[in-house]
Amino acid sequence: MKLPMGIVPVLIVLSVLAGLGMARLFAIPSVTLEFPASGDSGHSSSIQTTVFLVDGLQCVKSARMAGSTLEDIPGVLLFVAYASRNRAEITFDAAVTDPQAIREAMEGPAYEEETGQFLFNMYKVLEIDGSAVFR
């Protein structure tokens, strides 16, 4: 059986396009940080996960820094960042904190361990659970 001339390049282009299209369906987290639960949290009925769209969340380093801004926020349990999508999924105890407190912490100064400096205006929360944040 003889294949028509030019079929191989067409198949290669189609394979590449299919691969790129399928890559949009799957996302691997850039950073996952677990925070210890405080003693008074842990009511499983008040645990919730909220999705934040964050301008400034671009790479693994910026995702780690964004997660570190939540380190001292009581009630925050888990931070999962998808830097390629500017997306952070944050699991917290709603009886202890709320999405607005998390937003304020993320938009606050971030500490860069390498230089020992606080960096301001690193992150801007654009959406919380698909709803635009108004300033």
C-alpha atoms as a PDB file:
ATOM      1  CA  MET A   1       0.000   0.000   0.000  1.00  0.00           C
ATOM      2  CA  LYS A   2       1.401   3.326  -1.014  1.00  0.00           C
ATOM      3  CA  LEU A   3       0.573   6.440   1.026  1.00  0.00           C
ATOM      4  CA  PRO A   4      -0.184   9.693  -0.747  1.00  0.00           C
ATOM      5  CA  MET A   5       2.698  12.139  -0.808  1.00  0.00           C
ATOM      6  CA  GLY A   6       2.477  14.731   1.983  1.00  0.00           C
ATOM      7  CA  ILE A   7       0.399  12.606   4.350  1.00  0.00           C
ATOM      8  CA  VAL A   8       3.231  12.244   6.887  1.00  0.00           C
ATOM      9  CA  PRO A   9       3.664  16.008   7.458  1.00  0.00           C
ATOM     10  CA  VAL A  10      -0.129  16.395   7.747  1.00  0.00           C
ATOM     11  CA  LEU A  11      -0.267  13.603  10.333  1.00  0.00           C
ATOM     12  CA  ILE A  12       2.578  15.214  12.293  1.00  0.00           C
ATOM     13  CA  VAL A  13       0.834  18.603  12.333  1.00  0.00           C
ATOM     14  CA  LEU A  14      -2.447  16.995  13.404  1.00  0.00           C
ATOM     15  CA  SER A  15      -0.682  15.070  16.173  1.00  0.00           C
ATOM     16  CA  VAL A  16       0.988  18.223  17.490  1.00  0.00           C
ATOM     17  CA  LEU A  17      -2.301  20.146  17.459  1.00  0.00           C
ATOM     18  CA  ALA A  18      -4.106  17.294  19.200  1.00  0.00           C
ATOM     19  CA  GLY A  19      -1.362  17.161  21.849  1.00  0.00           C
ATOM     20  CA  LEU A  20      -1.589  20.889  22.503  1.00  0.00           C
ATOM     21  CA  GLY A  21      -5.361  20.708  22.711  1.00  0.00           C
ATOM     22  CA  MET A  22      -5.253  17.811  25.166  1.00  0.00           C
ATOM     23  CA  ALA A  23      -2.666  19.596  27.331  1.00  0.00           C
ATOM     24  CA  ARG A  24      -5.276  22.245  28.126  1.00  0.00           C
ATOM     25  CA  LEU A  25      -7.458  19.569  29.741  1.00  0.00           C
ATOM     26  CA  PHE A  26      -4.838  18.510  32.282  1.00  0.00           C
ATOM     27  CA  ALA A  27      -3.026  20.625  34.838  1.00  0.00           C
ATOM     28  CA  ILE A  28      -0.332  19.600  37.247  1.00  0.00           C
ATOM     29  CA  PRO A  29       0.017  21.778  40.336  1.00  0.00           C
ATOM     30  CA  SER A  30       3.115  23.975  40.422  1.00  0.00           C
ATOM     31  CA  VAL A  31       3.131  24.139  44.223  1.00  0.00           C
ATOM     32  CA  THR A  32       1.216  22.377  46.989  1.00  0.00           C
ATOM     33  CA  LEU A  33       1.618  23.634  50.552  1.00  0.00           C
ATOM     34  CA  GLU A  34      -0.099  22.115  53.581  1.00  0.00           C
ATOM     35  CA  PHE A  35      -0.494  24.216  56.689  1.00  0.00           C
ATOM     36  CA  PRO A  36      -1.020  22.762  60.157  1.00  0.00           C
ATOM     37  CA  ALA A  37      -4.577  23.047  61.439  1.00  0.00           C
ATOM     38  CA  SER A  38      -5.007  25.195  64.514  1.00  0.00           C
ATOM     39  CA  GLY A  39      -6.447  23.497  67.585  1.00  0.00           C
ATOM     40  CA  ASP A  40      -9.909  25.049  67.342  1.00  0.00           C
ATOM     41  CA  SER A  41     -10.457  24.308  63.651  1.00  0.00           C
ATOM     42  CA  GLY A  42     -11.312  20.981  62.133  1.00  0.00           C
ATOM     43  CA  HIS A  43     -15.088  21.066  61.877  1.00  0.00           C
ATOM     44  CA  SER A  44     -15.397  19.093  58.663  1.00  0.00           C
ATOM     45  CA  SER A  45     -18.679  20.831  57.841  1.00  0.00           C
ATOM     46  CA  SER A  46     -16.959  24.229  57.684  1.00  0.00           C
ATOM     47  CA  ILE A  47     -14.020  23.168  55.493  1.00  0.00           C
ATOM     48  CA  GLN A  48     -14.253  24.630  51.998  1.00  0.00           C
ATOM     49  CA  THR A  49     -12.070  25.146  48.929  1.00  0.00           C
ATOM     50  CA  THR A  50     -12.128  28.405  47.010  1.00  0.00           C
ATOM     51  CA  VAL A  51     -10.529  29.123  43.629  1.00  0.00           C
ATOM     52  CA  PHE A  52      -8.627  32.383  43.227  1.00  0.00           C
ATOM     53  CA  LEU A  53      -7.461  33.814  39.889  1.00  0.00           C
ATOM     54  CA  VAL A  54      -4.299  35.710  40.819  1.00  0.00           C
ATOM     55  CA  ASP A  55      -2.346  38.140  38.669  1.00  0.00           C
ATOM     56  CA  GLY A  56       1.342  37.668  39.480  1.00  0.00           C
ATOM     57  CA  LEU A  57       1.132  33.911  39.956  1.00  0.00           C
ATOM     58  CA  GLN A  58       3.373  32.975  37.030  1.00  0.00           C
ATOM     59  CA  CYS A  59       5.992  30.407  38.015  1.00  0.00           C
ATOM     60  CA  VAL A  60       6.972  28.019  40.784  1.00  0.00           C
ATOM     61  CA  LYS A  61       8.909  30.734  42.666  1.00  0.00           C
ATOM     62  CA  SER A  62       6.008  33.193  42.613  1.00  0.00           C
ATOM     63  CA  ALA A  63       3.598  30.404  43.593  1.00  0.00           C
ATOM     64  CA  ARG A  64       5.738  29.511  46.628  1.00  0.00           C
ATOM     65  CA  MET A  65       5.875  33.170  47.653  1.00  0.00           C
ATOM     66  CA  ALA A  66       2.094  33.500  47.255  1.00  0.00           C
ATOM     67  CA  GLY A  67       1.627  30.438  49.435  1.00  0.00           C
ATOM     68  CA  SER A  68       3.979  31.832  52.052  1.00  0.00           C
ATOM     69  CA  THR A  69       1.726  34.898  52.429  1.00  0.00           C
ATOM     70  CA  LEU A  70      -0.922  32.545  53.860  1.00  0.00           C
ATOM     71  CA  GLU A  71       1.377  30.799  56.327  1.00  0.00           C
ATOM     72  CA  ASP A  72       0.231  32.782  59.362  1.00  0.00           C
ATOM     73  CA  ILE A  73      -3.466  33.028  58.469  1.00  0.00           C
ATOM     74  CA  PRO A  74      -5.444  30.921  60.972  1.00  0.00           C
ATOM     75  CA  GLY A  75      -7.751  28.418  59.316  1.00  0.00           C
ATOM     76  CA  VAL A  76      -5.879  28.073  56.011  1.00  0.00           C
ATOM     77  CA  LEU A  77      -5.180  24.374  55.517  1.00  0.00           C
ATOM     78  CA  LEU A  78      -4.013  23.820  51.933  1.00  0.00           C
ATOM     79  CA  PHE A  79      -2.654  25.958  49.085  1.00  0.00           C
ATOM     80  CA  VAL A  80      -2.472  24.449  45.590  1.00  0.00           C
ATOM     81  CA  ALA A  81      -1.187  26.705  42.804  1.00  0.00           C
ATOM     82  CA  TYR A  82      -1.374  26.209  39.053  1.00  0.00           C
ATOM     83  CA  ALA A  83       1.049  28.905  37.910  1.00  0.00           C
ATOM     84  CA  SER A  84       0.491  28.293  34.200  1.00  0.00           C
ATOM     85  CA  ARG A  85      -3.169  29.192  34.738  1.00  0.00           C
ATOM     86  CA  ASN A  86      -2.696  31.961  37.354  1.00  0.00           C
ATOM     87  CA  ARG A  87      -4.922  29.882  39.605  1.00  0.00           C
ATOM     88  CA  ALA A  88      -4.773  29.007  43.298  1.00  0.00           C
ATOM     89  CA  GLU A  89      -7.084  26.602  45.102  1.00  0.00           C
ATOM     90  CA  ILE A  90      -7.124  27.317  48.808  1.00  0.00           C
ATOM     91  CA  THR A  91      -8.750  25.040  51.360  1.00  0.00           C
ATOM     92  CA  PHE A  92      -9.667  26.678  54.648  1.00  0.00           C
ATOM     93  CA  ASP A  93     -11.900  26.398  57.680  1.00  0.00           C
ATOM     94  CA  ALA A  94     -14.780  28.833  57.060  1.00  0.00           C
ATOM     95  CA  ALA A  95     -15.456  28.983  60.798  1.00  0.00           C
ATOM     96  CA  VAL A  96     -12.038  30.600  61.277  1.00  0.00           C
ATOM     97  CA  THR A  97     -11.383  32.653  58.129  1.00  0.00           C
ATOM     98  CA  ASP A  98     -13.035  33.698  54.879  1.00  0.00           C
ATOM     99  CA  PRO A  99     -12.063  34.370  51.236  1.00  0.00           C
ATOM    100  CA  GLN A 100     -11.764  38.135  51.863  1.00  0.00           C
ATOM    101  CA  ALA A 101      -9.156  37.634  54.609  1.00  0.00           C
ATOM    102  CA  ILE A 102      -7.264  35.264  52.322  1.00  0.00           C
ATOM    103  CA  ARG A 103      -7.424  37.811  49.496  1.00  0.00           C
ATOM    104  CA  GLU A 104      -6.091  40.567  51.771  1.00  0.00           C
ATOM    105  CA  ALA A 105      -3.203  38.343  52.878  1.00  0.00           C
ATOM    106  CA  MET A 106      -2.301  37.409  49.301  1.00  0.00           C
ATOM    107  CA  GLU A 107      -2.371  41.026  48.152  1.00  0.00           C
ATOM    108  CA  GLY A 108      -0.228  42.101  51.108  1.00  0.00           C
ATOM    109  CA  PRO A 109       3.572  42.101  51.155  1.00  0.00           C
ATOM    110  CA  ALA A 110       5.408  38.881  50.306  1.00  0.00           C
ATOM    111  CA  TYR A 111       8.685  37.966  51.989  1.00  0.00           C
ATOM    112  CA  GLU A 112      11.508  36.901  49.671  1.00  0.00           C
ATOM    113  CA  GLU A 113      13.856  34.644  51.618  1.00  0.00           C
ATOM    114  CA  GLU A 114      16.739  34.954  49.144  1.00  0.00           C
ATOM    115  CA  THR A 115      17.080  38.713  49.626  1.00  0.00           C
ATOM    116  CA  GLY A 116      15.429  39.089  53.014  1.00  0.00           C
ATOM    117  CA  GLN A 117      13.151  41.791  51.619  1.00  0.00           C
ATOM    118  CA  PHE A 118       9.415  42.316  51.630  1.00  0.00           C
ATOM    119  CA  LEU A 119       7.987  42.783  48.148  1.00  0.00           C
ATOM    120  CA  PHE A 120       4.843  44.852  47.731  1.00  0.00           C
ATOM    121  CA  ASN A 121       2.128  44.642  45.062  1.00  0.00           C
ATOM    122  CA  MET A 122       3.276  41.207  43.893  1.00  0.00           C
ATOM    123  CA  TYR A 123      -0.204  39.697  43.619  1.00  0.00           C
ATOM    124  CA  LYS A 124      -3.618  40.971  42.673  1.00  0.00           C
ATOM    125  CA  VAL A 125      -6.665  38.735  43.089  1.00  0.00           C
ATOM    126  CA  LEU A 126      -8.832  39.117  39.973  1.00  0.00           C
ATOM    127  CA  GLU A 127     -11.538  36.519  40.695  1.00  0.00           C
ATOM    128  CA  ILE A 128     -12.795  34.492  43.626  1.00  0.00           C
ATOM    129  CA  ASP A 129     -14.740  31.379  42.589  1.00  0.00           C
ATOM    130  CA  GLY A 130     -15.359  32.890  39.150  1.00  0.00           C
ATOM    131  CA  SER A 131     -16.701  36.213  40.452  1.00  0.00           C
ATOM    132  CA  ALA A 132     -14.718  39.322  39.565  1.00  0.00           C
ATOM    133  CA  VAL A 133     -13.191  41.221  42.455  1.00  0.00           C
ATOM    134  CA  PHE A 134     -14.092  44.896  42.444  1.00  0.00           C
ATOM    135  CA  ARG A 135     -11.744  47.453  43.920  1.00  0.00           C
END
